[in-house]
């Protein structure tokens, strides 16, 4: 099942206070970036984030889920309805990740 544009729009609205958030469509799903770093994605209308130490600390009860068959597990963001908490999560994950690779 592909993710809906409406769910993407909802997540982007929730993250409107975070500088540098962007997205890219990928096979019916959406990859989320923050300041050029992949922080997670929207898969089957679920926001999944990279399981960094800060993400695990901010969402200790959040389950690990597969975005798609054969992928690495990611954390299900359990705070999408809480704008402030979601923004803090994305900022923390982005701060913890290394700089993205430059495309030639």
PDB file of N, CA and C in Angstrom:
ATOM      1  N   UNK A   1       0.846  -1.182   0.000  1.00  0.00           N
ATOM      2  CA  UNK A   1       0.000   0.000   0.000  1.00  0.00           C
ATOM      3  C   UNK A   1       0.887   1.239   0.000  1.00  0.00           C
ATOM      4  N   UNK A   2       0.650   2.131  -0.905  1.00  0.00           N
ATOM      5  CA  UNK A   2       1.420   3.367  -0.983  1.00  0.00           C
ATOM      6  C   UNK A   2       0.894   4.383   0.035  1.00  0.00           C
ATOM      7  N   UNK A   3       1.743   5.308   0.405  1.00  0.00           N
ATOM      8  CA  UNK A   3       1.343   6.361   1.333  1.00  0.00           C
ATOM      9  C   UNK A   3       0.588   7.451   0.594  1.00  0.00           C
ATOM     10  N   UNK A   4      -0.285   8.124   1.312  1.00  0.00           N
ATOM     11  CA  UNK A   4      -1.088   9.181   0.691  1.00  0.00           C
ATOM     12  C   UNK A   4      -0.373  10.527   0.766  1.00  0.00           C
ATOM     13  N   UNK A   5      -0.643  11.352  -0.213  1.00  0.00           N
ATOM     14  CA  UNK A   5      -0.101  12.720  -0.228  1.00  0.00           C
ATOM     15  C   UNK A   5      -0.678  13.506   0.948  1.00  0.00           C
ATOM     16  N   UNK A   6      -1.898  13.179   1.355  1.00  0.00           N
ATOM     17  CA  UNK A   6      -2.523  13.860   2.487  1.00  0.00           C
ATOM     18  C   UNK A   6      -1.748  13.601   3.783  1.00  0.00           C
ATOM     19  N   UNK A   7      -1.274  12.374   3.980  1.00  0.00           N
ATOM     20  CA  UNK A   7      -0.498  12.075   5.186  1.00  0.00           C
ATOM     21  C   UNK A   7       0.844  12.797   5.131  1.00  0.00           C
ATOM     22  N   UNK A   8       1.475  12.823   3.969  1.00  0.00           N
ATOM     23  CA  UNK A   8       2.722  13.584   3.810  1.00  0.00           C
ATOM     24  C   UNK A   8       2.479  15.045   4.165  1.00  0.00           C
ATOM     25  N   UNK A   9       1.418  15.632   3.625  1.00  0.00           N
ATOM     26  CA  UNK A   9       1.108  17.035   3.906  1.00  0.00           C
ATOM     27  C   UNK A   9       0.883  17.264   5.400  1.00  0.00           C
ATOM     28  N   UNK A  10       0.216  16.331   6.075  1.00  0.00           N
ATOM     29  CA  UNK A  10      -0.001  16.433   7.518  1.00  0.00           C
ATOM     30  C   UNK A  10       1.338  16.456   8.261  1.00  0.00           C
ATOM     31  N   UNK A  11       2.226  15.521   7.921  1.00  0.00           N
ATOM     32  CA  UNK A  11       3.536  15.455   8.582  1.00  0.00           C
ATOM     33  C   UNK A  11       4.345  16.717   8.301  1.00  0.00           C
ATOM     34  N   UNK A  12       4.347  17.178   7.072  1.00  0.00           N
ATOM     35  CA  UNK A  12       5.087  18.398   6.739  1.00  0.00           C
ATOM     36  C   UNK A  12       4.533  19.604   7.489  1.00  0.00           C
ATOM     37  N   UNK A  13       3.224  19.674   7.665  1.00  0.00           N
ATOM     38  CA  UNK A  13       2.623  20.756   8.443  1.00  0.00           C
ATOM     39  C   UNK A  13       3.064  20.657   9.901  1.00  0.00           C
ATOM     40  N   UNK A  14       3.076  19.453  10.440  1.00  0.00           N
ATOM     41  CA  UNK A  14       3.519  19.250  11.824  1.00  0.00           C
ATOM     42  C   UNK A  14       4.987  19.677  11.998  1.00  0.00           C
ATOM     43  N   UNK A  15       5.781  19.517  10.959  1.00  0.00           N
ATOM     44  CA  UNK A  15       7.214  19.824  11.015  1.00  0.00           C
ATOM     45  C   UNK A  15       7.554  21.213  10.484  1.00  0.00           C
ATOM     46  N   UNK A  16       6.556  22.054  10.292  1.00  0.00           N
ATOM     47  CA  UNK A  16       6.790  23.369   9.680  1.00  0.00           C
ATOM     48  C   UNK A  16       7.736  24.255  10.495  1.00  0.00           C
ATOM     49  N   UNK A  17       7.905  23.997  11.771  1.00  0.00           N
ATOM     50  CA  UNK A  17       8.805  24.797  12.605  1.00  0.00           C
ATOM     51  C   UNK A  17      10.262  24.336  12.519  1.00  0.00           C
ATOM     52  N   UNK A  18      10.513  23.243  11.814  1.00  0.00           N
ATOM     53  CA  UNK A  18      11.877  22.718  11.692  1.00  0.00           C
ATOM     54  C   UNK A  18      12.480  23.214  10.378  1.00  0.00           C
ATOM     55  N   UNK A  19      13.619  23.896  10.475  1.00  0.00           N
ATOM     56  CA  UNK A  19      14.299  24.384   9.278  1.00  0.00           C
ATOM     57  C   UNK A  19      14.911  23.235   8.497  1.00  0.00           C
ATOM     58  N   UNK A  20      14.833  23.309   7.190  1.00  0.00           N
ATOM     59  CA  UNK A  20      15.536  22.358   6.333  1.00  0.00           C
ATOM     60  C   UNK A  20      14.849  21.037   6.104  1.00  0.00           C
ATOM     61  N   UNK A  21      13.547  20.934   6.378  1.00  0.00           N
ATOM     62  CA  UNK A  21      12.826  19.679   6.119  1.00  0.00           C
ATOM     63  C   UNK A  21      12.426  19.643   4.648  1.00  0.00           C
ATOM     64  N   UNK A  22      12.712  18.529   4.014  1.00  0.00           N
ATOM     65  CA  UNK A  22      12.324  18.327   2.622  1.00  0.00           C
ATOM     66  C   UNK A  22      11.963  16.856   2.444  1.00  0.00           C
ATOM     67  N   UNK A  23      11.482  16.527   1.265  1.00  0.00           N
ATOM     68  CA  UNK A  23      11.058  15.158   1.005  1.00  0.00           C
ATOM     69  C   UNK A  23      11.304  14.805  -0.447  1.00  0.00           C
ATOM     70  N   UNK A  24      11.272  13.510  -0.702  1.00  0.00           N
ATOM     71  CA  UNK A  24      11.392  13.009  -2.063  1.00  0.00           C
ATOM     72  C   UNK A  24      10.524  11.770  -2.191  1.00  0.00           C
ATOM     73  N   UNK A  25       9.744  11.717  -3.260  1.00  0.00           N
ATOM     74  CA  UNK A  25       8.909  10.542  -3.513  1.00  0.00           C
ATOM     75  C   UNK A  25       9.799   9.388  -3.957  1.00  0.00           C
ATOM     76  N   UNK A  26       9.479   8.182  -3.458  1.00  0.00           N
ATOM     77  CA  UNK A  26      10.267   7.003  -3.801  1.00  0.00           C
ATOM     78  C   UNK A  26       9.336   5.794  -3.808  1.00  0.00           C
ATOM     79  N   UNK A  27       8.996   5.312  -4.990  1.00  0.00           N
ATOM     80  CA  UNK A  27       8.194   4.099  -5.165  1.00  0.00           C
ATOM     81  C   UNK A  27       6.899   4.115  -4.342  1.00  0.00           C
ATOM     82  N   UNK A  28       6.161   5.209  -4.380  1.00  0.00           N
ATOM     83  CA  UNK A  28       4.892   5.292  -3.681  1.00  0.00           C
ATOM     84  C   UNK A  28       5.005   5.688  -2.221  1.00  0.00           C
ATOM     85  N   UNK A  29       6.210   5.887  -1.754  1.00  0.00           N
ATOM     86  CA  UNK A  29       6.443   6.306  -0.370  1.00  0.00           C
ATOM     87  C   UNK A  29       7.209   7.627  -0.401  1.00  0.00           C
ATOM     88  N   UNK A  30       7.578   8.146   0.760  1.00  0.00           N
ATOM     89  CA  UNK A  30       8.255   9.438   0.837  1.00  0.00           C
ATOM     90  C   UNK A  30       9.442   9.363   1.789  1.00  0.00           C
ATOM     91  N   UNK A  31      10.594   9.803   1.317  1.00  0.00           N
ATOM     92  CA  UNK A  31      11.805   9.876   2.141  1.00  0.00           C
ATOM     93  C   UNK A  31      11.856  11.283   2.733  1.00  0.00           C
ATOM     94  N   UNK A  32      12.102  11.389   4.041  1.00  0.00           N
ATOM     95  CA  UNK A  32      12.176  12.689   4.710  1.00  0.00           C
ATOM     96  C   UNK A  32      13.625  13.055   5.009  1.00  0.00           C
ATOM     97  N   UNK A  33      13.943  14.304   4.726  1.00  0.00           N
ATOM     98  CA  UNK A  33      15.273  14.845   4.962  1.00  0.00           C
ATOM     99  C   UNK A  33      15.173  16.011   5.940  1.00  0.00           C
ATOM    100  N   UNK A  34      16.230  16.222   6.679  1.00  0.00           N
ATOM    101  CA  UNK A  34      16.368  17.406   7.512  1.00  0.00           C
ATOM    102  C   UNK A  34      17.786  17.910   7.325  1.00  0.00           C
ATOM    103  N   UNK A  35      17.910  19.097   6.784  1.00  0.00           N
ATOM    104  CA  UNK A  35      19.215  19.699   6.479  1.00  0.00           C
ATOM    105  C   UNK A  35      20.078  18.762   5.636  1.00  0.00           C
ATOM    106  N   UNK A  36      19.433  18.112   4.661  1.00  0.00           N
ATOM    107  CA  UNK A  36      20.145  17.250   3.722  1.00  0.00           C
ATOM    108  C   UNK A  36      20.415  15.836   4.218  1.00  0.00           C
ATOM    109  N   UNK A  37      20.005  15.514   5.420  1.00  0.00           N
ATOM    110  CA  UNK A  37      20.223  14.180   5.987  1.00  0.00           C
ATOM    111  C   UNK A  37      18.917  13.393   5.971  1.00  0.00           C
ATOM    112  N   UNK A  38      18.980  12.133   5.595  1.00  0.00           N
ATOM    113  CA  UNK A  38      17.789  11.294   5.634  1.00  0.00           C
ATOM    114  C   UNK A  38      17.507  10.945   7.094  1.00  0.00           C
ATOM    115  N   UNK A  39      16.370  11.415   7.588  1.00  0.00           N
ATOM    116  CA  UNK A  39      16.004  11.169   8.986  1.00  0.00           C
ATOM    117  C   UNK A  39      14.955  10.072   9.111  1.00  0.00           C
ATOM    118  N   UNK A  40      14.279   9.771   8.019  1.00  0.00           N
ATOM    119  CA  UNK A  40      13.242   8.742   8.055  1.00  0.00           C
ATOM    120  C   UNK A  40      12.408   8.784   6.794  1.00  0.00           C
ATOM    121  N   UNK A  41      11.185   8.306   6.929  1.00  0.00           N
ATOM    122  CA  UNK A  41      10.305   8.296   5.776  1.00  0.00           C
ATOM    123  C   UNK A  41       8.888   7.947   6.157  1.00  0.00           C
ATOM    124  N   UNK A  42       8.028   8.117   5.185  1.00  0.00           N
ATOM    125  CA  UNK A  42       6.625   7.765   5.351  1.00  0.00           C
ATOM    126  C   UNK A  42       6.383   6.510   4.530  1.00  0.00           C
ATOM    127  N   UNK A  43       6.000   5.454   5.212  1.00  0.00           N
ATOM    128  CA  UNK A  43       5.775   4.149   4.602  1.00  0.00           C
ATOM    129  C   UNK A  43       4.401   3.649   5.039  1.00  0.00           C
ATOM    130  N   UNK A  44       3.538   3.368   4.099  1.00  0.00           N
ATOM    131  CA  UNK A  44       2.177   2.899   4.408  1.00  0.00           C
ATOM    132  C   UNK A  44       1.488   3.819   5.413  1.00  0.00           C
ATOM    133  N   UNK A  45       1.629   5.123   5.186  1.00  0.00           N
ATOM    134  CA  UNK A  45       1.034   6.142   6.060  1.00  0.00           C
ATOM    135  C   UNK A  45       1.467   6.006   7.514  1.00  0.00           C
ATOM    136  N   UNK A  46       2.739   5.632   7.705  1.00  0.00           N
ATOM    137  CA  UNK A  46       3.370   5.603   9.034  1.00  0.00           C
ATOM    138  C   UNK A  46       4.655   6.397   8.926  1.00  0.00           C
ATOM    139  N   UNK A  47       4.943   7.241   9.905  1.00  0.00           N
ATOM    140  CA  UNK A  47       6.209   7.943   9.947  1.00  0.00           C
ATOM    141  C   UNK A  47       7.205   7.073  10.706  1.00  0.00           C
ATOM    142  N   UNK A  48       8.252   6.648  10.009  1.00  0.00           N
ATOM    143  CA  UNK A  48       9.319   5.859  10.622  1.00  0.00           C
ATOM    144  C   UNK A  48      10.586   6.688  10.596  1.00  0.00           C
ATOM    145  N   UNK A  49      11.354   6.652  11.680  1.00  0.00           N
ATOM    146  CA  UNK A  49      12.597   7.415  11.763  1.00  0.00           C
ATOM    147  C   UNK A  49      13.768   6.479  12.022  1.00  0.00           C
ATOM    148  N   UNK A  50      14.950   6.976  11.686  1.00  0.00           N
ATOM    149  CA  UNK A  50      16.148   6.188  11.942  1.00  0.00           C
ATOM    150  C   UNK A  50      16.293   5.964  13.444  1.00  0.00           C
ATOM    151  N   UNK A  51      16.684   4.769  13.843  1.00  0.00           N
ATOM    152  CA  UNK A  51      16.753   4.437  15.275  1.00  0.00           C
ATOM    153  C   UNK A  51      18.046   4.919  15.936  1.00  0.00           C
ATOM    154  N   UNK A  52      18.231   6.225  15.970  1.00  0.00           N
ATOM    155  CA  UNK A  52      19.404   6.790  16.620  1.00  0.00           C
ATOM    156  C   UNK A  52      19.224   6.720  18.141  1.00  0.00           C
ATOM    157  N   UNK A  53      20.301   6.960  18.856  1.00  0.00           N
ATOM    158  CA  UNK A  53      20.224   6.937  20.326  1.00  0.00           C
ATOM    159  C   UNK A  53      19.229   7.975  20.835  1.00  0.00           C
ATOM    160  N   UNK A  54      19.230   9.156  20.232  1.00  0.00           N
ATOM    161  CA  UNK A  54      18.303  10.196  20.686  1.00  0.00           C
ATOM    162  C   UNK A  54      16.853   9.822  20.372  1.00  0.00           C
ATOM    163  N   UNK A  55      16.602   9.201  19.232  1.00  0.00           N
ATOM    164  CA  UNK A  55      15.235   8.773  18.901  1.00  0.00           C
ATOM    165  C   UNK A  55      14.750   7.727  19.900  1.00  0.00           C
ATOM    166  N   UNK A  56      15.616   6.799  20.252  1.00  0.00           N
ATOM    167  CA  UNK A  56      15.244   5.768  21.223  1.00  0.00           C
ATOM    168  C   UNK A  56      14.995   6.371  22.603  1.00  0.00           C
ATOM    169  N   UNK A  57      15.770   7.404  22.942  1.00  0.00           N
ATOM    170  CA  UNK A  57      15.599   8.057  24.234  1.00  0.00           C
ATOM    171  C   UNK A  57      14.303   8.860  24.267  1.00  0.00           C
ATOM    172  N   UNK A  58      13.976   9.523  23.164  1.00  0.00           N
ATOM    173  CA  UNK A  58      12.766  10.341  23.108  1.00  0.00           C
ATOM    174  C   UNK A  58      11.489   9.520  22.950  1.00  0.00           C
ATOM    175  N   UNK A  59      11.620   8.293  22.414  1.00  0.00           N
ATOM    176  CA  UNK A  59      10.457   7.419  22.209  1.00  0.00           C
ATOM    177  C   UNK A  59      10.780   6.021  22.723  1.00  0.00           C
ATOM    178  N   UNK A  60      10.974   5.877  24.026  1.00  0.00           N
ATOM    179  CA  UNK A  60      11.411   4.588  24.577  1.00  0.00           C
ATOM    180  C   UNK A  60      10.422   3.443  24.382  1.00  0.00           C
ATOM    181  N   UNK A  61       9.158   3.737  24.238  1.00  0.00           N
ATOM    182  CA  UNK A  61       8.144   2.694  24.081  1.00  0.00           C
ATOM    183  C   UNK A  61       7.801   2.415  22.621  1.00  0.00           C
ATOM    184  N   UNK A  62       8.406   3.165  21.720  1.00  0.00           N
ATOM    185  CA  UNK A  62       8.060   3.043  20.299  1.00  0.00           C
ATOM    186  C   UNK A  62       8.602   1.739  19.716  1.00  0.00           C
ATOM    187  N   UNK A  63       7.771   1.017  18.967  1.00  0.00           N
ATOM    188  CA  UNK A  63       8.224  -0.252  18.381  1.00  0.00           C
ATOM    189  C   UNK A  63       9.092  -0.045  17.145  1.00  0.00           C
ATOM    190  N   UNK A  64       9.938  -1.016  16.903  1.00  0.00           N
ATOM    191  CA  UNK A  64      10.715  -1.053  15.668  1.00  0.00           C
ATOM    192  C   UNK A  64       9.839  -1.726  14.617  1.00  0.00           C
ATOM    193  N   UNK A  65       9.810  -1.154  13.413  1.00  0.00           N
ATOM    194  CA  UNK A  65       8.999  -1.713  12.341  1.00  0.00           C
ATOM    195  C   UNK A  65       9.777  -1.680  11.036  1.00  0.00           C
ATOM    196  N   UNK A  66       9.397  -2.570  10.140  1.00  0.00           N
ATOM    197  CA  UNK A  66      10.011  -2.608   8.812  1.00  0.00           C
ATOM    198  C   UNK A  66       9.284  -1.635   7.889  1.00  0.00           C
ATOM    199  N   UNK A  67      10.027  -0.768   7.201  1.00  0.00           N
ATOM    200  CA  UNK A  67       9.370   0.105   6.240  1.00  0.00           C
ATOM    201  C   UNK A  67       8.843  -0.681   5.033  1.00  0.00           C
ATOM    202  N   UNK A  68       9.595  -1.711   4.650  1.00  0.00           N
ATOM    203  CA  UNK A  68       9.216  -2.594   3.537  1.00  0.00           C
ATOM    204  C   UNK A  68      10.059  -3.852   3.659  1.00  0.00           C
ATOM    205  N   UNK A  69       9.653  -4.895   2.987  1.00  0.00           N
ATOM    206  CA  UNK A  69      10.363  -6.183   3.067  1.00  0.00           C
ATOM    207  C   UNK A  69      11.822  -6.022   2.664  1.00  0.00           C
ATOM    208  N   UNK A  70      12.710  -6.564   3.486  1.00  0.00           N
ATOM    209  CA  UNK A  70      14.136  -6.530   3.200  1.00  0.00           C
ATOM    210  C   UNK A  70      14.862  -5.292   3.697  1.00  0.00           C
ATOM    211  N   UNK A  71      14.135  -4.346   4.273  1.00  0.00           N
ATOM    212  CA  UNK A  71      14.750  -3.112   4.778  1.00  0.00           C
ATOM    213  C   UNK A  71      15.193  -3.288   6.224  1.00  0.00           C
ATOM    214  N   UNK A  72      15.994  -2.346   6.693  1.00  0.00           N
ATOM    215  CA  UNK A  72      16.367  -2.313   8.107  1.00  0.00           C
ATOM    216  C   UNK A  72      15.196  -1.754   8.908  1.00  0.00           C
ATOM    217  N   UNK A  73      15.057  -2.237  10.126  1.00  0.00           N
ATOM    218  CA  UNK A  73      13.989  -1.747  10.983  1.00  0.00           C
ATOM    219  C   UNK A  73      14.216  -0.282  11.353  1.00  0.00           C
ATOM    220  N   UNK A  74      13.104   0.406  11.519  1.00  0.00           N
ATOM    221  CA  UNK A  74      13.125   1.809  11.918  1.00  0.00           C
ATOM    222  C   UNK A  74      12.131   1.975  13.067  1.00  0.00           C
ATOM    223  N   UNK A  75      12.232   3.089  13.772  1.00  0.00           N
ATOM    224  CA  UNK A  75      11.323   3.376  14.878  1.00  0.00           C
ATOM    225  C   UNK A  75      10.041   4.017  14.367  1.00  0.00           C
ATOM    226  N   UNK A  76       8.921   3.514  14.831  1.00  0.00           N
ATOM    227  CA  UNK A  76       7.640   4.117  14.510  1.00  0.00           C
ATOM    228  C   UNK A  76       7.487   5.379  15.358  1.00  0.00           C
ATOM    229  N   UNK A  77       7.311   6.517  14.714  1.00  0.00           N
ATOM    230  CA  UNK A  77       7.133   7.774  15.447  1.00  0.00           C
ATOM    231  C   UNK A  77       5.750   7.768  16.085  1.00  0.00           C
ATOM    232  N   UNK A  78       5.729   7.721  17.398  1.00  0.00           N
ATOM    233  CA  UNK A  78       4.468   7.651  18.131  1.00  0.00           C
ATOM    234  C   UNK A  78       3.966   9.027  18.557  1.00  0.00           C
ATOM    235  N   UNK A  79       4.570  10.072  18.004  1.00  0.00           N
ATOM    236  CA  UNK A  79       4.253  11.426  18.461  1.00  0.00           C
ATOM    237  C   UNK A  79       3.807  12.348  17.330  1.00  0.00           C
ATOM    238  N   UNK A  80       3.282  11.809  16.252  1.00  0.00           N
ATOM    239  CA  UNK A  80       2.953  12.647  15.101  1.00  0.00           C
ATOM    240  C   UNK A  80       1.864  13.672  15.408  1.00  0.00           C
ATOM    241  N   UNK A  81       1.024  13.438  16.403  1.00  0.00           N
ATOM    242  CA  UNK A  81      -0.027  14.393  16.759  1.00  0.00           C
ATOM    243  C   UNK A  81       0.467  15.480  17.709  1.00  0.00           C
ATOM    244  N   UNK A  82       1.678  15.332  18.221  1.00  0.00           N
ATOM    245  CA  UNK A  82       2.274  16.300  19.141  1.00  0.00           C
ATOM    246  C   UNK A  82       3.358  17.066  18.384  1.00  0.00           C
ATOM    247  N   UNK A  83       2.979  18.215  17.838  1.00  0.00           N
ATOM    248  CA  UNK A  83       3.872  19.001  16.970  1.00  0.00           C
ATOM    249  C   UNK A  83       5.217  19.302  17.636  1.00  0.00           C
ATOM    250  N   UNK A  84       5.191  19.764  18.867  1.00  0.00           N
ATOM    251  CA  UNK A  84       6.424  20.145  19.563  1.00  0.00           C
ATOM    252  C   UNK A  84       7.350  18.941  19.760  1.00  0.00           C
ATOM    253  N   UNK A  85       6.790  17.847  20.180  1.00  0.00           N
ATOM    254  CA  UNK A  85       7.588  16.626  20.409  1.00  0.00           C
ATOM    255  C   UNK A  85       8.127  16.065  19.097  1.00  0.00           C
ATOM    256  N   UNK A  86       7.306  16.094  18.051  1.00  0.00           N
ATOM    257  CA  UNK A  86       7.743  15.598  16.748  1.00  0.00           C
ATOM    258  C   UNK A  86       8.881  16.454  16.194  1.00  0.00           C
ATOM    259  N   UNK A  87       8.765  17.757  16.314  1.00  0.00           N
ATOM    260  CA  UNK A  87       9.838  18.644  15.845  1.00  0.00           C
ATOM    261  C   UNK A  87      11.131  18.387  16.621  1.00  0.00           C
ATOM    262  N   UNK A  88      11.031  18.209  17.925  1.00  0.00           N
ATOM    263  CA  UNK A  88      12.219  17.920  18.738  1.00  0.00           C
ATOM    264  C   UNK A  88      12.851  16.599  18.305  1.00  0.00           C
ATOM    265  N   UNK A  89      12.023  15.616  18.006  1.00  0.00           N
ATOM    266  CA  UNK A  89      12.524  14.317  17.551  1.00  0.00           C
ATOM    267  C   UNK A  89      13.309  14.456  16.257  1.00  0.00           C
ATOM    268  N   UNK A  90      12.752  15.123  15.278  1.00  0.00           N
ATOM    269  CA  UNK A  90      13.414  15.253  13.975  1.00  0.00           C
ATOM    270  C   UNK A  90      14.695  16.064  14.100  1.00  0.00           C
ATOM    271  N   UNK A  91      14.672  17.121  14.884  1.00  0.00           N
ATOM    272  CA  UNK A  91      15.901  17.906  15.105  1.00  0.00           C
ATOM    273  C   UNK A  91      16.981  17.044  15.750  1.00  0.00           C
ATOM    274  N   UNK A  92      16.612  16.245  16.752  1.00  0.00           N
ATOM    275  CA  UNK A  92      17.576  15.402  17.465  1.00  0.00           C
ATOM    276  C   UNK A  92      18.157  14.327  16.550  1.00  0.00           C
ATOM    277  N   UNK A  93      17.318  13.683  15.760  1.00  0.00           N
ATOM    278  CA  UNK A  93      17.797  12.649  14.841  1.00  0.00           C
ATOM    279  C   UNK A  93      18.755  13.267  13.827  1.00  0.00           C
ATOM    280  N   UNK A  94      18.388  14.401  13.256  1.00  0.00           N
ATOM    281  CA  UNK A  94      19.247  15.057  12.260  1.00  0.00           C
ATOM    282  C   UNK A  94      20.590  15.464  12.860  1.00  0.00           C
ATOM    283  N   UNK A  95      20.569  15.978  14.087  1.00  0.00           N
ATOM    284  CA  UNK A  95      21.812  16.410  14.738  1.00  0.00           C
ATOM    285  C   UNK A  95      22.754  15.239  14.977  1.00  0.00           C
ATOM    286  N   UNK A  96      22.203  14.059  15.166  1.00  0.00           N
ATOM    287  CA  UNK A  96      23.010  12.884  15.484  1.00  0.00           C
ATOM    288  C   UNK A  96      23.600  12.200  14.244  1.00  0.00           C
ATOM    289  N   UNK A  97      22.999  12.433  13.089  1.00  0.00           N
ATOM    290  CA  UNK A  97      23.438  11.758  11.867  1.00  0.00           C
ATOM    291  C   UNK A  97      24.624  12.459  11.225  1.00  0.00           C
ATOM    292  N   UNK A  98      25.497  11.714  10.553  1.00  0.00           N
ATOM    293  CA  UNK A  98      26.595  12.336   9.832  1.00  0.00           C
ATOM    294  C   UNK A  98      26.073  13.121   8.636  1.00  0.00           C
ATOM    295  N   UNK A  99      26.884  14.004   8.124  1.00  0.00           N
ATOM    296  CA  UNK A  99      26.500  14.799   6.946  1.00  0.00           C
ATOM    297  C   UNK A  99      26.197  13.860   5.779  1.00  0.00           C
ATOM    298  N   UNK A 100      25.204  14.250   5.002  1.00  0.00           N
ATOM    299  CA  UNK A 100      24.830  13.449   3.837  1.00  0.00           C
ATOM    300  C   UNK A 100      25.909  13.463   2.773  1.00  0.00           C
ATOM    301  N   UNK A 101      25.918  12.455   1.946  1.00  0.00           N
ATOM    302  CA  UNK A 101      26.896  12.365   0.855  1.00  0.00           C
ATOM    303  C   UNK A 101      26.498  13.313  -0.264  1.00  0.00           C
ATOM    304  N   UNK A 102      27.474  13.995  -0.825  1.00  0.00           N
ATOM    305  CA  UNK A 102      27.219  14.901  -1.944  1.00  0.00           C
ATOM    306  C   UNK A 102      27.062  14.091  -3.217  1.00  0.00           C
ATOM    307  N   UNK A 103      26.071  14.454  -3.998  1.00  0.00           N
ATOM    308  CA  UNK A 103      25.862  13.794  -5.283  1.00  0.00           C
ATOM    309  C   UNK A 103      26.764  14.438  -6.328  1.00  0.00           C
ATOM    310  N   UNK A 104      27.322  13.614  -7.224  1.00  0.00           N
ATOM    311  CA  UNK A 104      28.190  14.206  -8.261  1.00  0.00           C
ATOM    312  C   UNK A 104      27.411  15.030  -9.256  1.00  0.00           C
TER     313      UNK A 104
END
